[in-house]
Amino acid sequence: MAILDRLADRLVEEIKKEIRREKMIASGTLFRSIDKRRISESEMEVGSTAKHAPIMNYGAEPHAPNYDDILRWVIEKKGETGEEAKRAAWRIYWHIKKKGIKGRYFFNKAVIGTVMDLGGEV
């Protein structure tokens, strides 16, 4: 069904637009992972294969995150190196451990925006 493919393509683009708008691109893993896949002749799935996508979308309760992942993110996103990067990574680590991560709801915003653009109601 060509219309289903076009709708899925549009939703993929809207999700990527939200990721750019929210300035959520560091390594590009999340952005590149947004894609569609056909489930059956009448079903498509749009989503992400990035392991951190659900946390970025829905947020997370306070927890002890992986420090090495945060350090990599600081280096890629902030361009910091050495001790400066380590201090920044620890600050982020402790913030997540104490306060969690706020959800960005980029999937939700993209779906709502697409439905409204097509004349639907939410």
PDB file of N, CA and C in Angstrom:
ATOM      1  N   MET A   1       0.840  -1.180   0.000  1.00  0.00           N
ATOM      2  CA  MET A   1       0.000   0.000   0.000  1.00  0.00           C
ATOM      3  C   MET A   1       0.886   1.245   0.000  1.00  0.00           C
ATOM      4  N   ALA A   2       0.861   1.945  -1.115  1.00  0.00           N
ATOM      5  CA  ALA A   2       1.712   3.124  -1.276  1.00  0.00           C
ATOM      6  C   ALA A   2       1.387   4.223  -0.269  1.00  0.00           C
ATOM      7  N   ILE A   3       0.117   4.389   0.049  1.00  0.00           N
ATOM      8  CA  ILE A   3      -0.274   5.447   0.981  1.00  0.00           C
ATOM      9  C   ILE A   3       0.303   5.182   2.365  1.00  0.00           C
ATOM     10  N   LEU A   4       0.347   3.924   2.768  1.00  0.00           N
ATOM     11  CA  LEU A   4       0.902   3.565   4.065  1.00  0.00           C
ATOM     12  C   LEU A   4       2.406   3.854   4.102  1.00  0.00           C
ATOM     13  N   ASP A   5       3.100   3.561   3.011  1.00  0.00           N
ATOM     14  CA  ASP A   5       4.525   3.877   2.921  1.00  0.00           C
ATOM     15  C   ASP A   5       4.760   5.378   3.021  1.00  0.00           C
ATOM     16  N   ARG A   6       3.948   6.149   2.324  1.00  0.00           N
ATOM     17  CA  ARG A   6       4.107   7.611   2.356  1.00  0.00           C
ATOM     18  C   ARG A   6       3.826   8.164   3.756  1.00  0.00           C
ATOM     19  N   LEU A   7       2.813   7.647   4.408  1.00  0.00           N
ATOM     20  CA  LEU A   7       2.481   8.089   5.759  1.00  0.00           C
ATOM     21  C   LEU A   7       3.625   7.748   6.727  1.00  0.00           C
ATOM     22  N   ALA A   8       4.170   6.541   6.619  1.00  0.00           N
ATOM     23  CA  ALA A   8       5.288   6.142   7.481  1.00  0.00           C
ATOM     24  C   ALA A   8       6.515   7.017   7.209  1.00  0.00           C
ATOM     25  N   ASP A   9       6.787   7.298   5.932  1.00  0.00           N
ATOM     26  CA  ASP A   9       7.912   8.178   5.586  1.00  0.00           C
ATOM     27  C   ASP A   9       7.725   9.562   6.196  1.00  0.00           C
ATOM     28  N   ARG A  10       6.513  10.054   6.132  1.00  0.00           N
ATOM     29  CA  ARG A  10       6.229  11.378   6.681  1.00  0.00           C
ATOM     30  C   ARG A  10       6.421  11.388   8.199  1.00  0.00           C
ATOM     31  N   LEU A  11       5.972  10.344   8.850  1.00  0.00           N
ATOM     32  CA  LEU A  11       6.133  10.264  10.294  1.00  0.00           C
ATOM     33  C   LEU A  11       7.609  10.164  10.678  1.00  0.00           C
ATOM     34  N   VAL A  12       8.385   9.394   9.937  1.00  0.00           N
ATOM     35  CA  VAL A  12       9.827   9.310  10.180  1.00  0.00           C
ATOM     36  C   VAL A  12      10.446  10.705  10.084  1.00  0.00           C
ATOM     37  N   GLU A  13      10.082  11.454   9.047  1.00  0.00           N
ATOM     38  CA  GLU A  13      10.631  12.802   8.875  1.00  0.00           C
ATOM     39  C   GLU A  13      10.188  13.742   9.995  1.00  0.00           C
ATOM     40  N   GLU A  14       8.940  13.625  10.440  1.00  0.00           N
ATOM     41  CA  GLU A  14       8.453  14.470  11.537  1.00  0.00           C
ATOM     42  C   GLU A  14       9.174  14.159  12.848  1.00  0.00           C
ATOM     43  N   ILE A  15       9.442  12.891  13.100  1.00  0.00           N
ATOM     44  CA  ILE A  15      10.174  12.513  14.309  1.00  0.00           C
ATOM     45  C   ILE A  15      11.585  13.085  14.252  1.00  0.00           C
ATOM     46  N   LYS A  16      12.227  12.963  13.099  1.00  0.00           N
ATOM     47  CA  LYS A  16      13.577  13.514  12.954  1.00  0.00           C
ATOM     48  C   LYS A  16      13.574  15.033  13.102  1.00  0.00           C
ATOM     49  N   LYS A  17      12.522  15.667  12.609  1.00  0.00           N
ATOM     50  CA  LYS A  17      12.402  17.121  12.761  1.00  0.00           C
ATOM     51  C   LYS A  17      12.310  17.499  14.243  1.00  0.00           C
ATOM     52  N   GLU A  18      11.546  16.725  15.016  1.00  0.00           N
ATOM     53  CA  GLU A  18      11.431  16.978  16.455  1.00  0.00           C
ATOM     54  C   GLU A  18      12.770  16.779  17.160  1.00  0.00           C
ATOM     55  N   ILE A  19      13.510  15.762  16.764  1.00  0.00           N
ATOM     56  CA  ILE A  19      14.824  15.515  17.360  1.00  0.00           C
ATOM     57  C   ILE A  19      15.749  16.702  17.088  1.00  0.00           C
ATOM     58  N   ARG A  20      15.714  17.219  15.854  1.00  0.00           N
ATOM     59  CA  ARG A  20      16.537  18.398  15.531  1.00  0.00           C
ATOM     60  C   ARG A  20      16.058  19.613  16.320  1.00  0.00           C
ATOM     61  N   ARG A  21      14.736  19.813  16.381  1.00  0.00           N
ATOM     62  CA  ARG A  21      14.169  20.966  17.079  1.00  0.00           C
ATOM     63  C   ARG A  21      14.546  20.959  18.560  1.00  0.00           C
ATOM     64  N   GLU A  22      14.541  19.790  19.150  1.00  0.00           N
ATOM     65  CA  GLU A  22      14.882  19.641  20.571  1.00  0.00           C
ATOM     66  C   GLU A  22      16.399  19.615  20.805  1.00  0.00           C
ATOM     67  N   LYS A  23      17.173  19.717  19.712  1.00  0.00           N
ATOM     68  CA  LYS A  23      18.649  19.695  19.792  1.00  0.00           C
ATOM     69  C   LYS A  23      19.138  18.445  20.525  1.00  0.00           C
ATOM     70  N   MET A  24      18.631  17.297  20.101  1.00  0.00           N
ATOM     71  CA  MET A  24      18.951  16.028  20.741  1.00  0.00           C
ATOM     72  C   MET A  24      19.983  15.220  19.957  1.00  0.00           C
ATOM     73  N   ILE A  25      20.739  15.864  19.090  1.00  0.00           N
ATOM     74  CA  ILE A  25      21.713  15.128  18.283  1.00  0.00           C
ATOM     75  C   ILE A  25      23.098  15.321  18.879  1.00  0.00           C
ATOM     76  N   ALA A  26      23.703  14.227  19.341  1.00  0.00           N
ATOM     77  CA  ALA A  26      25.090  14.252  19.817  1.00  0.00           C
ATOM     78  C   ALA A  26      25.894  13.391  18.846  1.00  0.00           C
ATOM     79  N   SER A  27      25.799  12.087  18.998  1.00  0.00           N
ATOM     80  CA  SER A  27      26.508  11.170  18.102  1.00  0.00           C
ATOM     81  C   SER A  27      25.711  10.914  16.828  1.00  0.00           C
ATOM     82  N   GLY A  28      24.410  11.180  16.871  1.00  0.00           N
ATOM     83  CA  GLY A  28      23.553  10.906  15.724  1.00  0.00           C
ATOM     84  C   GLY A  28      22.917   9.529  15.762  1.00  0.00           C
ATOM     85  N   THR A  29      23.222   8.751  16.799  1.00  0.00           N
ATOM     86  CA  THR A  29      22.691   7.383  16.895  1.00  0.00           C
ATOM     87  C   THR A  29      21.165   7.390  16.929  1.00  0.00           C
ATOM     88  N   LEU A  30      20.585   8.207  17.766  1.00  0.00           N
ATOM     89  CA  LEU A  30      19.126   8.273  17.866  1.00  0.00           C
ATOM     90  C   LEU A  30      18.523   8.718  16.539  1.00  0.00           C
ATOM     91  N   PHE A  31      19.050   9.782  15.979  1.00  0.00           N
ATOM     92  CA  PHE A  31      18.534  10.334  14.725  1.00  0.00           C
ATOM     93  C   PHE A  31      18.563   9.290  13.610  1.00  0.00           C
ATOM     94  N   ARG A  32      19.705   8.619  13.459  1.00  0.00           N
ATOM     95  CA  ARG A  32      19.844   7.620  12.394  1.00  0.00           C
ATOM     96  C   ARG A  32      19.002   6.378  12.628  1.00  0.00           C
ATOM     97  N   SER A  33      18.640   6.128  13.887  1.00  0.00           N
ATOM     98  CA  SER A  33      17.896   4.901  14.196  1.00  0.00           C
ATOM     99  C   SER A  33      16.400   5.005  13.891  1.00  0.00           C
ATOM    100  N   ILE A  34      15.903   6.204  13.627  1.00  0.00           N
ATOM    101  CA  ILE A  34      14.475   6.373  13.346  1.00  0.00           C
ATOM    102  C   ILE A  34      14.193   5.828  11.958  1.00  0.00           C
ATOM    103  N   ASP A  35      13.292   4.868  11.882  1.00  0.00           N
ATOM    104  CA  ASP A  35      13.005   4.245  10.588  1.00  0.00           C
ATOM    105  C   ASP A  35      11.637   3.566  10.632  1.00  0.00           C
ATOM    106  N   LYS A  36      11.254   3.049   9.495  1.00  0.00           N
ATOM    107  CA  LYS A  36       9.983   2.323   9.377  1.00  0.00           C
ATOM    108  C   LYS A  36      10.280   0.887   8.996  1.00  0.00           C
ATOM    109  N   ARG A  37       9.330   0.025   9.276  1.00  0.00           N
ATOM    110  CA  ARG A  37       9.420  -1.359   8.788  1.00  0.00           C
ATOM    111  C   ARG A  37       8.022  -1.882   8.566  1.00  0.00           C
ATOM    112  N   ARG A  38       7.896  -2.656   7.532  1.00  0.00           N
ATOM    113  CA  ARG A  38       6.603  -3.245   7.186  1.00  0.00           C
ATOM    114  C   ARG A  38       6.366  -4.474   8.056  1.00  0.00           C
ATOM    115  N   ILE A  39       5.206  -4.509   8.675  1.00  0.00           N
ATOM    116  CA  ILE A  39       4.818  -5.655   9.493  1.00  0.00           C
ATOM    117  C   ILE A  39       3.969  -6.615   8.668  1.00  0.00           C
ATOM    118  N   SER A  40       3.062  -6.043   7.888  1.00  0.00           N
ATOM    119  CA  SER A  40       2.220  -6.841   6.997  1.00  0.00           C
ATOM    120  C   SER A  40       1.806  -5.936   5.839  1.00  0.00           C
ATOM    121  N   GLU A  41       0.995  -6.441   4.971  1.00  0.00           N
ATOM    122  CA  GLU A  41       0.544  -5.641   3.820  1.00  0.00           C
ATOM    123  C   GLU A  41      -0.179  -4.370   4.254  1.00  0.00           C
ATOM    124  N   SER A  42      -0.843  -4.423   5.403  1.00  0.00           N
ATOM    125  CA  SER A  42      -1.623  -3.266   5.849  1.00  0.00           C
ATOM    126  C   SER A  42      -1.093  -2.626   7.136  1.00  0.00           C
ATOM    127  N   GLU A  43       0.135  -3.004   7.545  1.00  0.00           N
ATOM    128  CA  GLU A  43       0.695  -2.450   8.778  1.00  0.00           C
ATOM    129  C   GLU A  43       2.146  -2.038   8.597  1.00  0.00           C
ATOM    130  N   MET A  44       2.464  -0.861   9.144  1.00  0.00           N
ATOM    131  CA  MET A  44       3.845  -0.375   9.179  1.00  0.00           C
ATOM    132  C   MET A  44       4.151  -0.007  10.625  1.00  0.00           C
ATOM    133  N   GLU A  45       5.403  -0.108  10.979  1.00  0.00           N
ATOM    134  CA  GLU A  45       5.853   0.309  12.301  1.00  0.00           C
ATOM    135  C   GLU A  45       6.910   1.390  12.111  1.00  0.00           C
ATOM    136  N   VAL A  46       6.784   2.463  12.858  1.00  0.00           N
ATOM    137  CA  VAL A  46       7.777   3.524  12.853  1.00  0.00           C
ATOM    138  C   VAL A  46       8.349   3.583  14.257  1.00  0.00           C
ATOM    139  N   GLY A  47       9.668   3.583  14.350  1.00  0.00           N
ATOM    140  CA  GLY A  47      10.279   3.598  15.677  1.00  0.00           C
ATOM    141  C   GLY A  47      11.770   3.791  15.611  1.00  0.00           C
ATOM    142  N   SER A  48      12.409   3.451  16.719  1.00  0.00           N
ATOM    143  CA  SER A  48      13.853   3.620  16.866  1.00  0.00           C
ATOM    144  C   SER A  48      14.468   2.349  17.411  1.00  0.00           C
ATOM    145  N   THR A  49      15.661   2.044  16.943  1.00  0.00           N
ATOM    146  CA  THR A  49      16.411   0.911  17.467  1.00  0.00           C
ATOM    147  C   THR A  49      17.448   1.348  18.496  1.00  0.00           C
ATOM    148  N   ALA A  50      17.567   2.649  18.745  1.00  0.00           N
ATOM    149  CA  ALA A  50      18.541   3.147  19.718  1.00  0.00           C
ATOM    150  C   ALA A  50      18.098   2.767  21.125  1.00  0.00           C
ATOM    151  N   LYS A  51      19.011   2.205  21.901  1.00  0.00           N
ATOM    152  CA  LYS A  51      18.638   1.737  23.242  1.00  0.00           C
ATOM    153  C   LYS A  51      18.194   2.873  24.152  1.00  0.00           C
ATOM    154  N   HIS A  52      18.649   4.091  23.898  1.00  0.00           N
ATOM    155  CA  HIS A  52      18.282   5.214  24.763  1.00  0.00           C
ATOM    156  C   HIS A  52      17.050   5.978  24.278  1.00  0.00           C
ATOM    157  N   ALA A  53      16.440   5.558  23.182  1.00  0.00           N
ATOM    158  CA  ALA A  53      15.260   6.252  22.642  1.00  0.00           C
ATOM    159  C   ALA A  53      14.108   6.331  23.648  1.00  0.00           C
ATOM    160  N   PRO A  54      13.740   5.236  24.316  1.00  0.00           N
ATOM    161  CA  PRO A  54      12.626   5.341  25.276  1.00  0.00           C
ATOM    162  C   PRO A  54      12.915   6.327  26.412  1.00  0.00           C
ATOM    163  N   ILE A  55      14.163   6.350  26.883  1.00  0.00           N
ATOM    164  CA  ILE A  55      14.513   7.278  27.963  1.00  0.00           C
ATOM    165  C   ILE A  55      14.434   8.714  27.466  1.00  0.00           C
ATOM    166  N   MET A  56      14.927   8.966  26.259  1.00  0.00           N
ATOM    167  CA  MET A  56      14.884  10.324  25.716  1.00  0.00           C
ATOM    168  C   MET A  56      13.436  10.747  25.465  1.00  0.00           C
ATOM    169  N   ASN A  57      12.597   9.816  25.071  1.00  0.00           N
ATOM    170  CA  ASN A  57      11.206  10.154  24.777  1.00  0.00           C
ATOM    171  C   ASN A  57      10.387  10.307  26.055  1.00  0.00           C
ATOM    172  N   TYR A  58      10.415   9.304  26.915  1.00  0.00           N
ATOM    173  CA  TYR A  58       9.540   9.280  28.088  1.00  0.00           C
ATOM    174  C   TYR A  58      10.185   9.800  29.371  1.00  0.00           C
ATOM    175  N   GLY A  59      11.517   9.912  29.377  1.00  0.00           N
ATOM    176  CA  GLY A  59      12.212  10.309  30.588  1.00  0.00           C
ATOM    177  C   GLY A  59      12.528   9.099  31.450  1.00  0.00           C
ATOM    178  N   ALA A  60      13.111   9.359  32.610  1.00  0.00           N
ATOM    179  CA  ALA A  60      13.468   8.263  33.514  1.00  0.00           C
ATOM    180  C   ALA A  60      13.495   8.772  34.951  1.00  0.00           C
ATOM    181  N   GLU A  61      13.111   7.914  35.851  1.00  0.00           N
ATOM    182  CA  GLU A  61      13.191   8.207  37.278  1.00  0.00           C
ATOM    183  C   GLU A  61      14.667   8.313  37.668  1.00  0.00           C
ATOM    184  N   PRO A  62      14.950   8.909  38.813  1.00  0.00           N
ATOM    185  CA  PRO A  62      16.340   8.958  39.273  1.00  0.00           C
ATOM    186  C   PRO A  62      16.945   7.550  39.326  1.00  0.00           C
ATOM    187  N   HIS A  63      18.154   7.435  38.815  1.00  0.00           N
ATOM    188  CA  HIS A  63      18.862   6.154  38.786  1.00  0.00           C
ATOM    189  C   HIS A  63      20.349   6.415  38.572  1.00  0.00           C
ATOM    190  N   ALA A  64      21.159   5.395  38.765  1.00  0.00           N
ATOM    191  CA  ALA A  64      22.599   5.505  38.530  1.00  0.00           C
ATOM    192  C   ALA A  64      22.868   5.163  37.057  1.00  0.00           C
ATOM    193  N   PRO A  65      23.130   6.165  36.231  1.00  0.00           N
ATOM    194  CA  PRO A  65      23.374   5.899  34.812  1.00  0.00           C
ATOM    195  C   PRO A  65      24.798   5.370  34.585  1.00  0.00           C
ATOM    196  N   ASN A  66      25.068   4.956  33.372  1.00  0.00           N
ATOM    197  CA  ASN A  66      26.396   4.482  33.000  1.00  0.00           C
ATOM    198  C   ASN A  66      27.313   5.694  32.783  1.00  0.00           C
ATOM    199  N   TYR A  67      28.313   5.847  33.653  1.00  0.00           N
ATOM    200  CA  TYR A  67      29.214   6.999  33.578  1.00  0.00           C
ATOM    201  C   TYR A  67      29.947   7.069  32.238  1.00  0.00           C
ATOM    202  N   ASP A  68      30.420   5.927  31.732  1.00  0.00           N
ATOM    203  CA  ASP A  68      31.173   5.919  30.470  1.00  0.00           C
ATOM    204  C   ASP A  68      30.322   6.408  29.298  1.00  0.00           C
ATOM    205  N   ASP A  69      29.036   6.034  29.296  1.00  0.00           N
ATOM    206  CA  ASP A  69      28.142   6.536  28.247  1.00  0.00           C
ATOM    207  C   ASP A  69      27.990   8.048  28.336  1.00  0.00           C
ATOM    208  N   ILE A  70      27.879   8.554  29.556  1.00  0.00           N
ATOM    209  CA  ILE A  70      27.745  10.000  29.749  1.00  0.00           C
ATOM    210  C   ILE A  70      29.018  10.712  29.315  1.00  0.00           C
ATOM    211  N   LEU A  71      30.174  10.163  29.685  1.00  0.00           N
ATOM    212  CA  LEU A  71      31.447  10.771  29.300  1.00  0.00           C
ATOM    213  C   LEU A  71      31.574  10.836  27.777  1.00  0.00           C
ATOM    214  N   ARG A  72      31.215   9.751  27.099  1.00  0.00           N
ATOM    215  CA  ARG A  72      31.238   9.755  25.621  1.00  0.00           C
ATOM    216  C   ARG A  72      30.322  10.836  25.077  1.00  0.00           C
ATOM    217  N   TRP A  73      29.132  10.961  25.671  1.00  0.00           N
ATOM    218  CA  TRP A  73      28.174  11.979  25.232  1.00  0.00           C
ATOM    219  C   TRP A  73      28.745  13.381  25.432  1.00  0.00           C
ATOM    220  N   VAL A  74      29.373  13.628  26.587  1.00  0.00           N
ATOM    221  CA  VAL A  74      29.960  14.945  26.869  1.00  0.00           C
ATOM    222  C   VAL A  74      31.028  15.279  25.829  1.00  0.00           C
ATOM    223  N   ILE A  75      31.858  14.317  25.514  1.00  0.00           N
ATOM    224  CA  ILE A  75      32.931  14.548  24.535  1.00  0.00           C
ATOM    225  C   ILE A  75      32.346  14.835  23.159  1.00  0.00           C
ATOM    226  N   GLU A  76      31.330  14.046  22.749  1.00  0.00           N
ATOM    227  CA  GLU A  76      30.735  14.220  21.420  1.00  0.00           C
ATOM    228  C   GLU A  76      29.874  15.471  21.325  1.00  0.00           C
ATOM    229  N   LYS A  77      29.033  15.697  22.313  1.00  0.00           N
ATOM    230  CA  LYS A  77      28.058  16.791  22.259  1.00  0.00           C
ATOM    231  C   LYS A  77      28.673  18.130  22.650  1.00  0.00           C
ATOM    232  N   LYS A  78      29.451  18.137  23.707  1.00  0.00           N
ATOM    233  CA  LYS A  78      29.989  19.388  24.249  1.00  0.00           C
ATOM    234  C   LYS A  78      31.385  19.716  23.724  1.00  0.00           C
ATOM    235  N   GLY A  79      32.061  18.722  23.177  1.00  0.00           N
ATOM    236  CA  GLY A  79      33.403  18.958  22.667  1.00  0.00           C
ATOM    237  C   GLY A  79      34.441  19.141  23.762  1.00  0.00           C
ATOM    238  N   GLU A  80      34.107  18.764  24.986  1.00  0.00           N
ATOM    239  CA  GLU A  80      35.046  18.887  26.093  1.00  0.00           C
ATOM    240  C   GLU A  80      35.960  17.664  26.125  1.00  0.00           C
ATOM    241  N   THR A  81      37.154  17.842  26.690  1.00  0.00           N
ATOM    242  CA  THR A  81      38.110  16.742  26.774  1.00  0.00           C
ATOM    243  C   THR A  81      38.781  16.741  28.140  1.00  0.00           C
ATOM    244  N   GLY A  82      39.506  15.683  28.426  1.00  0.00           N
ATOM    245  CA  GLY A  82      40.299  15.590  29.647  1.00  0.00           C
ATOM    246  C   GLY A  82      39.498  15.742  30.921  1.00  0.00           C
ATOM    247  N   GLU A  83      40.097  16.431  31.877  1.00  0.00           N
ATOM    248  CA  GLU A  83      39.475  16.622  33.188  1.00  0.00           C
ATOM    249  C   GLU A  83      38.177  17.417  33.099  1.00  0.00           C
ATOM    250  N   GLU A  84      38.141  18.363  32.181  1.00  0.00           N
ATOM    251  CA  GLU A  84      36.916  19.162  31.982  1.00  0.00           C
ATOM    252  C   GLU A  84      35.742  18.256  31.613  1.00  0.00           C
ATOM    253  N   ALA A  85      35.974  17.316  30.707  1.00  0.00           N
ATOM    254  CA  ALA A  85      34.930  16.375  30.289  1.00  0.00           C
ATOM    255  C   ALA A  85      34.532  15.470  31.444  1.00  0.00           C
ATOM    256  N   LYS A  86      35.501  15.009  32.210  1.00  0.00           N
ATOM    257  CA  LYS A  86      35.204  14.124  33.337  1.00  0.00           C
ATOM    258  C   LYS A  86      34.361  14.841  34.390  1.00  0.00           C
ATOM    259  N   ARG A  87      34.709  16.094  34.699  1.00  0.00           N
ATOM    260  CA  ARG A  87      33.927  16.852  35.684  1.00  0.00           C
ATOM    261  C   ARG A  87      32.491  17.060  35.187  1.00  0.00           C
ATOM    262  N   ALA A  88      32.361  17.408  33.903  1.00  0.00           N
ATOM    263  CA  ALA A  88      31.021  17.610  33.338  1.00  0.00           C
ATOM    264  C   ALA A  88      30.217  16.313  33.380  1.00  0.00           C
ATOM    265  N   ALA A  89      30.856  15.201  33.051  1.00  0.00           N
ATOM    266  CA  ALA A  89      30.168  13.903  33.067  1.00  0.00           C
ATOM    267  C   ALA A  89      29.708  13.552  34.481  1.00  0.00           C
ATOM    268  N   TRP A  90      30.533  13.831  35.483  1.00  0.00           N
ATOM    269  CA  TRP A  90      30.130  13.543  36.865  1.00  0.00           C
ATOM    270  C   TRP A  90      28.964  14.413  37.296  1.00  0.00           C
ATOM    271  N   ARG A  91      28.977  15.691  36.879  1.00  0.00           N
ATOM    272  CA  ARG A  91      27.840  16.570  37.221  1.00  0.00           C
ATOM    273  C   ARG A  91      26.543  16.020  36.629  1.00  0.00           C
ATOM    274  N   ILE A  92      26.599  15.574  35.387  1.00  0.00           N
ATOM    275  CA  ILE A  92      25.413  15.001  34.729  1.00  0.00           C
ATOM    276  C   ILE A  92      25.014  13.699  35.426  1.00  0.00           C
ATOM    277  N   TYR A  93      25.993  12.865  35.723  1.00  0.00           N
ATOM    278  CA  TYR A  93      25.733  11.601  36.414  1.00  0.00           C
ATOM    279  C   TYR A  93      24.943  11.847  37.703  1.00  0.00           C
ATOM    280  N   TRP A  94      25.436  12.775  38.532  1.00  0.00           N
ATOM    281  CA  TRP A  94      24.780  13.035  39.811  1.00  0.00           C
ATOM    282  C   TRP A  94      23.412  13.678  39.632  1.00  0.00           C
ATOM    283  N   HIS A  95      23.256  14.496  38.612  1.00  0.00           N
ATOM    284  CA  HIS A  95      21.947  15.089  38.343  1.00  0.00           C
ATOM    285  C   HIS A  95      20.928  13.992  38.006  1.00  0.00           C
ATOM    286  N   ILE A  96      21.320  13.069  37.141  1.00  0.00           N
ATOM    287  CA  ILE A  96      20.422  11.967  36.769  1.00  0.00           C
ATOM    288  C   ILE A  96      20.151  11.081  37.975  1.00  0.00           C
ATOM    289  N   LYS A  97      21.173  10.827  38.763  1.00  0.00           N
ATOM    290  CA  LYS A  97      20.994   9.976  39.943  1.00  0.00           C
ATOM    291  C   LYS A  97      20.024  10.601  40.945  1.00  0.00           C
ATOM    292  N   LYS A  98      20.054  11.936  41.068  1.00  0.00           N
ATOM    293  CA  LYS A  98      19.190  12.616  42.031  1.00  0.00           C
ATOM    294  C   LYS A  98      17.823  12.999  41.458  1.00  0.00           C
ATOM    295  N   LYS A  99      17.792  13.430  40.196  1.00  0.00           N
ATOM    296  CA  LYS A  99      16.559  13.987  39.638  1.00  0.00           C
ATOM    297  C   LYS A  99      15.970  13.221  38.459  1.00  0.00           C
ATOM    298  N   GLY A 100      16.716  12.308  37.879  1.00  0.00           N
ATOM    299  CA  GLY A 100      16.221  11.580  36.719  1.00  0.00           C
ATOM    300  C   GLY A 100      16.405  12.378  35.435  1.00  0.00           C
ATOM    301  N   ILE A 101      15.674  11.976  34.408  1.00  0.00           N
ATOM    302  CA  ILE A 101      15.752  12.615  33.094  1.00  0.00           C
ATOM    303  C   ILE A 101      14.349  13.022  32.671  1.00  0.00           C
ATOM    304  N   LYS A 102      14.217  14.258  32.268  1.00  0.00           N
ATOM    305  CA  LYS A 102      12.923  14.760  31.805  1.00  0.00           C
ATOM    306  C   LYS A 102      12.635  14.211  30.399  1.00  0.00           C
ATOM    307  N   GLY A 103      11.418  13.731  30.200  1.00  0.00           N
ATOM    308  CA  GLY A 103      11.020  13.231  28.885  1.00  0.00           C
ATOM    309  C   GLY A 103      10.881  14.362  27.877  1.00  0.00           C
ATOM    310  N   ARG A 104      11.252  14.084  26.635  1.00  0.00           N
ATOM    311  CA  ARG A 104      11.135  15.076  25.565  1.00  0.00           C
ATOM    312  C   ARG A 104       9.889  14.835  24.712  1.00  0.00           C
ATOM    313  N   TYR A 105       9.344  13.641  24.739  1.00  0.00           N
ATOM    314  CA  TYR A 105       8.106  13.269  24.034  1.00  0.00           C
ATOM    315  C   TYR A 105       8.144  13.616  22.543  1.00  0.00           C
ATOM    316  N   PHE A 106       9.309  13.420  21.932  1.00  0.00           N
ATOM    317  CA  PHE A 106       9.457  13.757  20.516  1.00  0.00           C
ATOM    318  C   PHE A 106       8.626  12.850  19.612  1.00  0.00           C
ATOM    319  N   PHE A 107       8.441  11.583  19.994  1.00  0.00           N
ATOM    320  CA  PHE A 107       7.572  10.699  19.198  1.00  0.00           C
ATOM    321  C   PHE A 107       6.136  11.204  19.259  1.00  0.00           C
ATOM    322  N   ASN A 108       5.684  11.497  20.462  1.00  0.00           N
ATOM    323  CA  ASN A 108       4.312  11.954  20.660  1.00  0.00           C
ATOM    324  C   ASN A 108       4.042  13.233  19.877  1.00  0.00           C
ATOM    325  N   LYS A 109       4.950  14.199  19.985  1.00  0.00           N
ATOM    326  CA  LYS A 109       4.786  15.475  19.283  1.00  0.00           C
ATOM    327  C   LYS A 109       4.725  15.268  17.776  1.00  0.00           C
ATOM    328  N   ALA A 110       5.551  14.371  17.263  1.00  0.00           N
ATOM    329  CA  ALA A 110       5.566  14.106  15.823  1.00  0.00           C
ATOM    330  C   ALA A 110       4.260  13.463  15.362  1.00  0.00           C
ATOM    331  N   VAL A 111       3.750  12.514  16.130  1.00  0.00           N
ATOM    332  CA  VAL A 111       2.482  11.857  15.766  1.00  0.00           C
ATOM    333  C   VAL A 111       1.339  12.865  15.807  1.00  0.00           C
ATOM    334  N   ILE A 112       1.257  13.638  16.871  1.00  0.00           N
ATOM    335  CA  ILE A 112       0.185  14.636  16.996  1.00  0.00           C
ATOM    336  C   ILE A 112       0.281  15.655  15.864  1.00  0.00           C
ATOM    337  N   GLY A 113       1.488  16.139  15.597  1.00  0.00           N
ATOM    338  CA  GLY A 113       1.677  17.104  14.510  1.00  0.00           C
ATOM    339  C   GLY A 113       1.274  16.549  13.161  1.00  0.00           C
ATOM    340  N   THR A 114       1.636  15.311  12.894  1.00  0.00           N
ATOM    341  CA  THR A 114       1.290  14.677  11.612  1.00  0.00           C
ATOM    342  C   THR A 114      -0.215  14.504  11.488  1.00  0.00           C
ATOM    343  N   VAL A 115      -0.862  14.031  12.521  1.00  0.00           N
ATOM    344  CA  VAL A 115      -2.326  13.853  12.505  1.00  0.00           C
ATOM    345  C   VAL A 115      -3.006  15.178  12.264  1.00  0.00           C
ATOM    346  N   MET A 116      -2.589  16.231  12.957  1.00  0.00           N
ATOM    347  CA  MET A 116      -3.218  17.543  12.799  1.00  0.00           C
ATOM    348  C   MET A 116      -2.944  18.116  11.409  1.00  0.00           C
ATOM    349  N   ASP A 117      -1.724  17.929  10.883  1.00  0.00           N
ATOM    350  CA  ASP A 117      -1.403  18.401   9.531  1.00  0.00           C
ATOM    351  C   ASP A 117      -2.283  17.749   8.470  1.00  0.00           C
ATOM    352  N   LEU A 118      -2.696  16.514   8.749  1.00  0.00           N
ATOM    353  CA  LEU A 118      -3.542  15.778   7.806  1.00  0.00           C
ATOM    354  C   LEU A 118      -5.020  16.023   8.045  1.00  0.00           C
ATOM    355  N   GLY A 119      -5.341  16.963   8.940  1.00  0.00           N
ATOM    356  CA  GLY A 119      -6.733  17.336   9.170  1.00  0.00           C
ATOM    357  C   GLY A 119      -7.431  16.530  10.240  1.00  0.00           C
ATOM    358  N   GLY A 120      -6.678  15.723  10.956  1.00  0.00           N
ATOM    359  CA  GLY A 120      -7.279  14.927  12.014  1.00  0.00           C
ATOM    360  C   GLY A 120      -7.345  15.688  13.323  1.00  0.00           C
ATOM    361  N   GLU A 121      -8.018  15.100  14.280  1.00  0.00           N
ATOM    362  CA  GLU A 121      -8.142  15.694  15.607  1.00  0.00           C
ATOM    363  C   GLU A 121      -7.457  14.787  16.620  1.00  0.00           C
ATOM    364  N   VAL A 122      -6.921  15.415  17.653  1.00  0.00           N
ATOM    365  CA  VAL A 122      -6.247  14.658  18.699  1.00  0.00           C
ATOM    366  C   VAL A 122      -6.946  14.944  20.016  1.00  0.00           C
TER     367      VAL A 122
END
